[in-house]
C-alpha atoms as a PDB file:
ATOM      1  CA  MET A   1     -26.791   8.371  12.718  1.00  0.00           C
ATOM      2  CA  ASP A   2     -29.813   6.002  12.400  1.00  0.00           C
ATOM      3  CA  VAL A   3     -28.420   2.538  13.110  1.00  0.00           C
ATOM      4  CA  VAL A   4     -31.288   0.746  11.496  1.00  0.00           C
ATOM      5  CA  GLU A   5     -30.992   2.927   8.368  1.00  0.00           C
ATOM      6  CA  PHE A   6     -27.236   2.392   8.371  1.00  0.00           C
ATOM      7  CA  GLN A   7     -27.610  -1.385   8.483  1.00  0.00           C
ATOM      8  CA  LYS A   8     -30.091  -1.339   5.609  1.00  0.00           C
ATOM      9  CA  LYS A   9     -27.669   0.755   3.577  1.00  0.00           C
ATOM     10  CA  LEU A  10     -24.870  -1.662   4.379  1.00  0.00           C
ATOM     11  CA  GLN A  11     -26.906  -4.591   3.190  1.00  0.00           C
ATOM     12  CA  GLU A  12     -27.908  -2.704   0.045  1.00  0.00           C
ATOM     13  CA  ILE A  13     -24.224  -1.879  -0.845  1.00  0.00           C
ATOM     14  CA  CYS A  14     -23.375  -5.575  -0.236  1.00  0.00           C
ATOM     15  CA  ASN A  15     -26.121  -6.622  -2.684  1.00  0.00           C
ATOM     16  CA  ILE A  16     -24.791  -4.146  -5.201  1.00  0.00           C
ATOM     17  CA  ALA A  17     -21.340  -5.551  -4.849  1.00  0.00           C
ATOM     18  CA  LYS A  18     -22.713  -9.116  -5.318  1.00  0.00           C
ATOM     19  CA  GLU A  19     -24.268  -8.044  -8.528  1.00  0.00           C
ATOM     20  CA  ASN A  20     -20.903  -6.635  -9.772  1.00  0.00           C
ATOM     21  CA  ASP A  21     -18.590  -9.583  -8.952  1.00  0.00           C
ATOM     22  CA  GLN A  22     -17.709  -8.131  -5.527  1.00  0.00           C
ATOM     23  CA  VAL A  23     -16.420  -4.884  -6.884  1.00  0.00           C
ATOM     24  CA  LEU A  24     -17.644  -1.397  -5.921  1.00  0.00           C
ATOM     25  CA  SER A  25     -16.718   2.032  -7.234  1.00  0.00           C
ATOM     26  CA  PRO A  26     -16.360   5.048  -4.837  1.00  0.00           C
ATOM     27  CA  ALA A  27     -19.285   6.593  -6.603  1.00  0.00           C
ATOM     28  CA  GLN A  28     -21.536   3.691  -5.705  1.00  0.00           C
ATOM     29  CA  ILE A  29     -20.554   3.944  -2.077  1.00  0.00           C
ATOM     30  CA  ARG A  30     -21.067   7.652  -1.980  1.00  0.00           C
ATOM     31  CA  GLU A  31     -24.515   7.374  -3.598  1.00  0.00           C
ATOM     32  CA  CYS A  32     -25.642   4.585  -1.285  1.00  0.00           C
ATOM     33  CA  PHE A  33     -24.615   6.364   1.882  1.00  0.00           C
ATOM     34  CA  GLN A  34     -25.537   9.840   0.700  1.00  0.00           C
ATOM     35  CA  GLY A  35     -27.086  11.957   3.487  1.00  0.00           C
ATOM     36  CA  MET A  36     -25.856   9.692   6.227  1.00  0.00           C
ATOM     37  CA  GLU A  37     -23.102  12.123   7.286  1.00  0.00           C
ATOM     38  CA  LEU A  38     -20.693   9.436   8.352  1.00  0.00           C
ATOM     39  CA  GLU A  39     -17.599  10.436  10.218  1.00  0.00           C
ATOM     40  CA  THR A  40     -14.148   9.384   9.024  1.00  0.00           C
ATOM     41  CA  GLU A  41     -13.805   6.618  11.548  1.00  0.00           C
ATOM     42  CA  GLN A  42     -17.270   5.186  10.694  1.00  0.00           C
ATOM     43  CA  MET A  43     -16.331   5.265   7.002  1.00  0.00           C
ATOM     44  CA  VAL A  44     -13.007   3.460   7.687  1.00  0.00           C
ATOM     45  CA  LYS A  45     -14.839   0.787   9.690  1.00  0.00           C
ATOM     46  CA  MET A  46     -17.483   0.428   6.937  1.00  0.00           C
ATOM     47  CA  LEU A  47     -14.806  -0.029   4.258  1.00  0.00           C
ATOM     48  CA  GLN A  48     -13.054  -2.506   6.424  1.00  0.00           C
ATOM     49  CA  TYR A  49     -16.238  -4.491   6.816  1.00  0.00           C
ATOM     50  CA  LEU A  50     -16.645  -4.590   3.033  1.00  0.00           C
ATOM     51  CA  LYS A  51     -13.153  -5.815   2.808  1.00  0.00           C
ATOM     52  CA  THR A  52     -13.857  -8.702   5.184  1.00  0.00           C
ATOM     53  CA  LYS A  53     -16.681  -9.607   2.836  1.00  0.00           C
ATOM     54  CA  GLY A  54     -14.242  -9.891  -0.057  1.00  0.00           C
ATOM     55  CA  ILE A  55     -15.538  -6.687  -1.658  1.00  0.00           C
ATOM     56  CA  ARG A  56     -12.998  -4.616  -3.527  1.00  0.00           C
ATOM     57  CA  ILE A  57     -13.069  -0.840  -4.077  1.00  0.00           C
ATOM     58  CA  GLN A  58     -12.068   0.049  -7.693  1.00  0.00           C
ATOM     59  CA  GLY A  59     -11.057   3.512  -8.748  1.00  0.00           C
ATOM     60  CA  GLU A  60     -13.439   5.323 -11.140  1.00  0.00           C
ATOM     61  CA  GLU A  61     -10.578   6.700 -13.249  1.00  0.00           C
ATOM     62  CA  ALA A  62      -7.277   5.319 -14.528  1.00  0.00           C
ATOM     63  CA  GLU A  63      -8.141   1.695 -13.640  1.00  0.00           C
ATOM     64  CA  GLY A  64      -4.974  -0.025 -12.649  1.00  0.00           C
ATOM     65  CA  SER A  65      -3.022   3.183 -12.230  1.00  0.00           C
ATOM     66  CA  GLU A  66      -0.767   3.069  -9.141  1.00  0.00           C
ATOM     67  CA  GLU A  67      -1.378   6.778  -8.343  1.00  0.00           C
ATOM     68  CA  SER A  68      -5.103   6.337  -8.278  1.00  0.00           C
ATOM     69  CA  GLU A  69      -4.783   3.488  -5.736  1.00  0.00           C
ATOM     70  CA  VAL A  70      -2.950   5.555  -3.152  1.00  0.00           C
ATOM     71  CA  GLN A  71      -4.818   8.799  -2.957  1.00  0.00           C
ATOM     72  CA  SER A  72      -6.877   7.752   0.072  1.00  0.00           C
ATOM     73  CA  GLY A  73      -5.967   7.630   3.693  1.00  0.00           C
ATOM     74  CA  THR A  74      -7.525   9.061   6.837  1.00  0.00           C
ATOM     75  CA  ARG A  75      -5.943  12.364   7.937  1.00  0.00           C
ATOM     76  CA  THR A  76      -6.049  13.761  11.389  1.00  0.00           C
ATOM     77  CA  PRO A  77      -4.527  17.139  12.354  1.00  0.00           C
ATOM     78  CA  LEU A  78      -1.363  16.879  14.443  1.00  0.00           C
ATOM     79  CA  THR A  79      -1.550  17.621  18.066  1.00  0.00           C
ATOM     80  CA  ALA A  80       0.742  20.038  19.710  1.00  0.00           C
ATOM     81  CA  GLN A  81       2.750  17.118  21.071  1.00  0.00           C
ATOM     82  CA  GLU A  82       2.993  15.482  17.665  1.00  0.00           C
ATOM     83  CA  LYS A  83       4.066  18.773  16.025  1.00  0.00           C
ATOM     84  CA  GLU A  84       6.824  19.065  18.576  1.00  0.00           C
ATOM     85  CA  TYR A  85       7.901  15.465  18.066  1.00  0.00           C
ATOM     86  CA  LEU A  86       7.968  15.945  14.235  1.00  0.00           C
ATOM     87  CA  GLN A  87      10.123  19.169  14.556  1.00  0.00           C
ATOM     88  CA  GLU A  88      12.548  17.524  16.870  1.00  0.00           C
ATOM     89  CA  TYR A  89      12.793  14.519  14.487  1.00  0.00           C
ATOM     90  CA  LEU A  90      13.383  16.696  11.480  1.00  0.00           C
ATOM     91  CA  ASP A  91      15.899  18.805  13.379  1.00  0.00           C
ATOM     92  CA  GLY A  92      17.854  15.614  14.263  1.00  0.00           C
ATOM     93  CA  LEU A  93      18.233  14.530  10.601  1.00  0.00           C
ATOM     94  CA  GLN A  94      21.400  15.356   8.760  1.00  0.00           C
ATOM     95  CA  ALA A  95      19.712  15.652   5.383  1.00  0.00           C
ATOM     96  CA  GLU A  96      21.418  17.330   2.435  1.00  0.00           C
ATOM     97  CA  GLU A  97      19.664  19.329  -0.276  1.00  0.00           C
ATOM     98  CA  LEU A  98      20.816  18.342  -3.816  1.00  0.00           C
ATOM     99  CA  LYS A  99      20.372  20.065  -7.118  1.00  0.00           C
ATOM    100  CA  ASP A 100      18.054  18.403  -9.702  1.00  0.00           C
ATOM    101  CA  GLU A 101      21.093  17.221 -11.672  1.00  0.00           C
ATOM    102  CA  GLU A 102      22.673  15.579  -8.696  1.00  0.00           C
ATOM    103  CA  LEU A 103      19.474  13.993  -7.586  1.00  0.00           C
ATOM    104  CA  GLN A 104      18.797  12.524 -11.089  1.00  0.00           C
ATOM    105  CA  GLY A 105      22.285  11.220 -11.109  1.00  0.00           C
ATOM    106  CA  LEU A 106      21.934   9.470  -7.751  1.00  0.00           C
ATOM    107  CA  PHE A 107      18.663   7.861  -8.966  1.00  0.00           C
ATOM    108  CA  GLN A 108      20.507   6.528 -11.990  1.00  0.00           C
ATOM    109  CA  ASP A 109      23.229   5.165  -9.807  1.00  0.00           C
ATOM    110  CA  VAL A 110      20.657   3.505  -7.495  1.00  0.00           C
ATOM    111  CA  ALA A 111      19.013   1.881 -10.618  1.00  0.00           C
ATOM    112  CA  HIS A 112      22.365   0.311 -11.297  1.00  0.00           C
ATOM    113  CA  GLY A 113      22.661  -1.061  -7.724  1.00  0.00           C
ATOM    114  CA  ASP A 114      25.051   1.497  -6.225  1.00  0.00           C
ATOM    115  CA  ALA A 115      24.865   1.036  -2.408  1.00  0.00           C
ATOM    116  CA  LEU A 116      26.517   4.311  -1.705  1.00  0.00           C
ATOM    117  CA  ALA A 117      23.905   6.198  -3.796  1.00  0.00           C
ATOM    118  CA  GLN A 118      21.132   4.274  -1.936  1.00  0.00           C
ATOM    119  CA  GLY A 119      22.555   5.545   1.312  1.00  0.00           C
ATOM    120  CA  ARG A 120      22.703   9.195   0.160  1.00  0.00           C
ATOM    121  CA  LEU A 121      19.241   9.086  -1.295  1.00  0.00           C
ATOM    122  CA  ALA A 122      17.843   7.594   1.917  1.00  0.00           C
ATOM    123  CA  GLN A 123      19.368  10.581   3.842  1.00  0.00           C
ATOM    124  CA  VAL A 124      17.801  12.984   1.345  1.00  0.00           C
ATOM    125  CA  TYR A 125      14.335  11.516   1.578  1.00  0.00           C
ATOM    126  CA  LEU A 126      14.064  10.873   5.295  1.00  0.00           C
ATOM    127  CA  PRO A 127      12.504  14.336   5.831  1.00  0.00           C
ATOM    128  CA  VAL A 128      10.256  13.721   2.879  1.00  0.00           C
ATOM    129  CA  ALA A 129       9.087  10.465   4.399  1.00  0.00           C
ATOM    130  CA  ALA A 130       8.472  12.133   7.798  1.00  0.00           C
ATOM    131  CA  ASN A 131       6.474  14.933   6.370  1.00  0.00           C
ATOM    132  CA  MET A 132       4.383  12.715   4.199  1.00  0.00           C
ATOM    133  CA  ALA A 133       3.587  10.478   7.275  1.00  0.00           C
ATOM    134  CA  ALA A 134       2.563  13.618   9.129  1.00  0.00           C
ATOM    135  CA  GLU A 135       0.423  14.771   6.194  1.00  0.00           C
ATOM    136  CA  MET A 136      -1.371  11.345   6.333  1.00  0.00           C
ATOM    137  CA  ASN A 137      -1.476  11.164  10.112  1.00  0.00           C
ATOM    138  CA  CYS A 138      -4.415   9.197  11.472  1.00  0.00           C
ATOM    139  CA  GLU A 139      -5.906   8.080  14.801  1.00  0.00           C
ATOM    140  CA  GLU A 140      -5.234   4.429  14.016  1.00  0.00           C
ATOM    141  CA  ILE A 141      -1.446   4.518  14.434  1.00  0.00           C
ATOM    142  CA  HIS A 142       0.924   6.818  16.348  1.00  0.00           C
ATOM    143  CA  LEU A 143       2.831   9.368  14.337  1.00  0.00           C
ATOM    144  CA  ALA A 144       6.222   8.049  15.387  1.00  0.00           C
ATOM    145  CA  ASP A 145       5.254   4.533  14.303  1.00  0.00           C
ATOM    146  CA  LEU A 146       3.952   5.904  11.006  1.00  0.00           C
ATOM    147  CA  ILE A 147       7.182   7.727  10.344  1.00  0.00           C
ATOM    148  CA  GLN A 148       9.037   4.451  10.947  1.00  0.00           C
ATOM    149  CA  GLU A 149       6.808   2.671   8.419  1.00  0.00           C
ATOM    150  CA  ALA A 150       7.594   5.383   5.923  1.00  0.00           C
ATOM    151  CA  ASN A 151      11.250   4.906   6.554  1.00  0.00           C
ATOM    152  CA  VAL A 152      10.898   1.138   5.973  1.00  0.00           C
ATOM    153  CA  ALA A 153       9.045   1.842   2.748  1.00  0.00           C
ATOM    154  CA  LEU A 154      11.836   4.245   1.723  1.00  0.00           C
ATOM    155  CA  LEU A 155      14.565   1.674   2.247  1.00  0.00           C
ATOM    156  CA  GLU A 156      12.601  -1.109   0.614  1.00  0.00           C
ATOM    157  CA  ALA A 157      11.917   0.958  -2.492  1.00  0.00           C
ATOM    158  CA  LEU A 158      15.529   1.926  -2.837  1.00  0.00           C
ATOM    159  CA  GLU A 159      16.583  -1.681  -2.619  1.00  0.00           C
ATOM    160  CA  GLN A 160      14.154  -2.820  -5.385  1.00  0.00           C
ATOM    161  CA  GLU A 161      16.177  -4.474  -8.181  1.00  0.00           C
ATOM    162  CA  GLU A 162      13.349  -5.072 -10.683  1.00  0.00           C
ATOM    163  CA  THR A 163      12.373  -1.405 -11.060  1.00  0.00           C
ATOM    164  CA  GLN A 164      14.278   0.181 -13.967  1.00  0.00           C
ATOM    165  CA  VAL A 165      12.904   3.705 -13.854  1.00  0.00           C
ATOM    166  CA  LYS A 166      13.754   5.391 -10.576  1.00  0.00           C
ATOM    167  CA  ASN A 167      13.091   9.082  -9.961  1.00  0.00           C
ATOM    168  CA  ASP A 168      11.544  11.445  -7.534  1.00  0.00           C
ATOM    169  CA  GLN A 169       7.943  10.808  -8.579  1.00  0.00           C
ATOM    170  CA  TRP A 170       8.418   7.059  -8.315  1.00  0.00           C
ATOM    171  CA  LEU A 171       9.944   7.193  -4.912  1.00  0.00           C
ATOM    172  CA  ARG A 172       7.323   9.458  -3.419  1.00  0.00           C
ATOM    173  CA  LEU A 173       4.707   7.048  -4.780  1.00  0.00           C
ATOM    174  CA  GLN A 174       6.395   4.145  -3.154  1.00  0.00           C
ATOM    175  CA  LEU A 175       6.430   6.108   0.176  1.00  0.00           C
ATOM    176  CA  ARG A 176       2.729   7.023  -0.071  1.00  0.00           C
ATOM    177  CA  LYS A 177       1.850   3.301  -0.845  1.00  0.00           C
ATOM    178  CA  GLY A 178       3.951   2.116   2.210  1.00  0.00           C
ATOM    179  CA  ILE A 179       2.242   4.571   4.509  1.00  0.00           C
ATOM    180  CA  ILE A 180      -1.192   3.674   3.287  1.00  0.00           C
ATOM    181  CA  ALA A 181      -0.510  -0.061   3.642  1.00  0.00           C
ATOM    182  CA  ALA A 182       0.537   0.545   7.239  1.00  0.00           C
ATOM    183  CA  ILE A 183      -2.589   2.575   8.019  1.00  0.00           C
ATOM    184  CA  GLU A 184      -4.790  -0.152   6.368  1.00  0.00           C
ATOM    185  CA  GLU A 185      -3.080  -2.852   8.402  1.00  0.00           C
ATOM    186  CA  GLN A 186      -3.455  -1.077  11.658  1.00  0.00           C
ATOM    187  CA  THR A 187      -7.100  -0.037  10.812  1.00  0.00           C
ATOM    188  CA  GLU A 188      -7.992  -3.650  10.010  1.00  0.00           C
ATOM    189  CA  ARG A 189      -6.361  -4.894  13.265  1.00  0.00           C
ATOM    190  CA  LYS A 190      -8.336  -2.290  15.226  1.00  0.00           C
ATOM    191  CA  PHE A 191     -11.507  -3.132  13.383  1.00  0.00           C
ATOM    192  CA  GLN A 192     -11.061  -6.797  14.344  1.00  0.00           C
ATOM    193  CA  ASP A 193     -10.320  -5.899  17.931  1.00  0.00           C
ATOM    194  CA  ASP A 194     -13.445  -3.773  18.094  1.00  0.00           C
ATOM    195  CA  SER A 195     -15.484  -6.620  16.534  1.00  0.00           C
ATOM    196  CA  LEU A 196     -14.240  -8.935  19.077  1.00  0.00           C
ATOM    197  CA  VAL A 197     -15.012  -6.720  21.913  1.00  0.00           C
ATOM    198  CA  ALA A 198     -18.669  -6.293  20.477  1.00  0.00           C
ATOM    199  CA  ARG A 199     -19.050 -10.141  20.207  1.00  0.00           C
ATOM    200  CA  VAL A 200     -17.859 -10.539  23.810  1.00  0.00           C
ATOM    201  CA  GLU A 201     -20.185  -7.898  25.091  1.00  0.00           C
ATOM    202  CA  LYS A 202     -23.076  -9.296  22.988  1.00  0.00           C
ATOM    203  CA  LEU A 203     -22.444 -12.894  24.399  1.00  0.00           C
ATOM    204  CA  GLU A 204     -21.982 -11.771  28.009  1.00  0.00           C
ATOM    205  CA  SER A 205     -25.207  -9.723  27.889  1.00  0.00           C
ATOM    206  CA  ALA A 206     -27.137 -12.690  26.277  1.00  0.00           C
ATOM    207  CA  VAL A 207     -25.766 -15.196  28.797  1.00  0.00           C
ATOM    208  CA  LYS A 208     -27.012 -12.986  31.686  1.00  0.00           C
ATOM    209  CA  GLU A 209     -30.400 -12.697  30.149  1.00  0.00           C
ATOM    210  CA  LEU A 210     -30.680 -16.428  29.331  1.00  0.00           C
ATOM    211  CA  THR A 211     -29.465 -17.634  32.751  1.00  0.00           C
ATOM    212  CA  ASP A 212     -31.737 -18.811  35.566  1.00  0.00           C
ATOM    213  CA  ASP A 213     -31.658 -17.345  39.068  1.00  0.00           C
ATOM    214  CA  ASP A 214     -29.461 -20.356  40.132  1.00  0.00           C
ATOM    215  CA  GLY A 215     -26.923 -19.553  37.474  1.00  0.00           C
ATOM    216  CA  GLU A 216     -27.728 -22.287  35.065  1.00  0.00           C
ATOM    217  CA  THR A 217     -27.976 -21.481  31.401  1.00  0.00           C
ATOM    218  CA  ARG A 218     -31.270 -22.525  29.958  1.00  0.00           C
ATOM    219  CA  PHE A 219     -29.956 -23.187  26.419  1.00  0.00           C
ATOM    220  CA  THR A 220     -27.465 -25.358  24.815  1.00  0.00           C
ATOM    221  CA  LEU A 221     -24.501 -24.066  22.767  1.00  0.00           C
ATOM    222  CA  ASP A 222     -26.354 -24.870  19.523  1.00  0.00           C
ATOM    223  CA  GLU A 223     -29.422 -23.098  20.780  1.00  0.00           C
ATOM    224  CA  LEU A 224     -27.425 -20.034  21.692  1.00  0.00           C
ATOM    225  CA  ALA A 225     -25.875 -19.961  18.220  1.00  0.00           C
ATOM    226  CA  VAL A 226     -29.328 -19.721  16.738  1.00  0.00           C
ATOM    227  CA  ILE A 227     -30.504 -17.154  19.169  1.00  0.00           C
ATOM    228  CA  LEU A 228     -27.517 -14.962  18.864  1.00  0.00           C
ATOM    229  CA  ASP A 229     -26.863 -15.513  15.178  1.00  0.00           C
ATOM    230  CA  MET A 230     -23.343 -16.680  15.863  1.00  0.00           C
ATOM    231  CA  LYS A 231     -21.420 -19.795  14.996  1.00  0.00           C
ATOM    232  CA  THR A 232     -20.894 -22.337  17.783  1.00  0.00           C
ATOM    233  CA  ASP A 233     -17.076 -22.207  17.232  1.00  0.00           C
ATOM    234  CA  GLU A 234     -17.240 -18.386  17.609  1.00  0.00           C
ATOM    235  CA  ILE A 235     -19.192 -18.723  20.784  1.00  0.00           C
ATOM    236  CA  ARG A 236     -16.620 -21.209  22.099  1.00  0.00           C
ATOM    237  CA  ASP A 237     -13.763 -18.784  21.275  1.00  0.00           C
ATOM    238  CA  VAL A 238     -15.338 -15.902  23.013  1.00  0.00           C
ATOM    239  CA  LEU A 239     -16.296 -18.013  26.093  1.00  0.00           C
ATOM    240  CA  ARG A 240     -12.627 -19.269  26.115  1.00  0.00           C
ATOM    241  CA  LEU A 241     -11.400 -15.618  26.076  1.00  0.00           C
ATOM    242  CA  THR A 242     -13.700 -14.637  28.961  1.00  0.00           C
ATOM    243  CA  GLY A 243     -12.935 -17.823  30.995  1.00  0.00           C
ATOM    244  CA  ASP A 244     -16.557 -18.904  30.925  1.00  0.00           C
ATOM    245  CA  ASP A 245     -15.977 -22.089  28.986  1.00  0.00           C
ATOM    246  CA  LYS A 246     -15.921 -24.316  32.085  1.00  0.00           C
END
């Protein structure tokens, strides 16, 4: 990937977003980066960068539709170890299979606040949550953690009181939304960590280049901020982390 060309494209897509009230469509992004052959991880970081700039990605179809908002997610094939873990996890569940009529009845009971029905539905959908997490497996979060996040989404969905219509489609949608939210949160955290590492490396390298033979820095903090295109507070924070703020 040509880094210079990528930076130009990134600036271009930010300008497009600015002209559209900080909103981009998937088609605009695909068109702008067409031919760049970005890998999934690069796309994720690029989207997270846009997010830090306050830019929203809006679906092309069914604007406002919940289903259209949760179709994305980075997917990575399970390793042999992850497959083994998933199978052992599923084998350890005591899930029961219900007929459609029984399932519908439980959903109706849950809608009326029946705690026992909530418990039974949770047991029924634990395997569904685990398999959905496995289908949406990604590098940013361990499979075991992703399954736990799916379980949390399952319990929170069943406890929702304001939702009147509860059925299989609704519950699967809540699971998918919960999993994607966990992936996005972890991806953003990783993006911020990577950005911090990059800033530290950039500053350390610059300090070495801008230091005299006797170890004295030739520039003030404000001058470094201009040279490195960084804020003085940001430089202070980085120096504090590296222990060079003495």
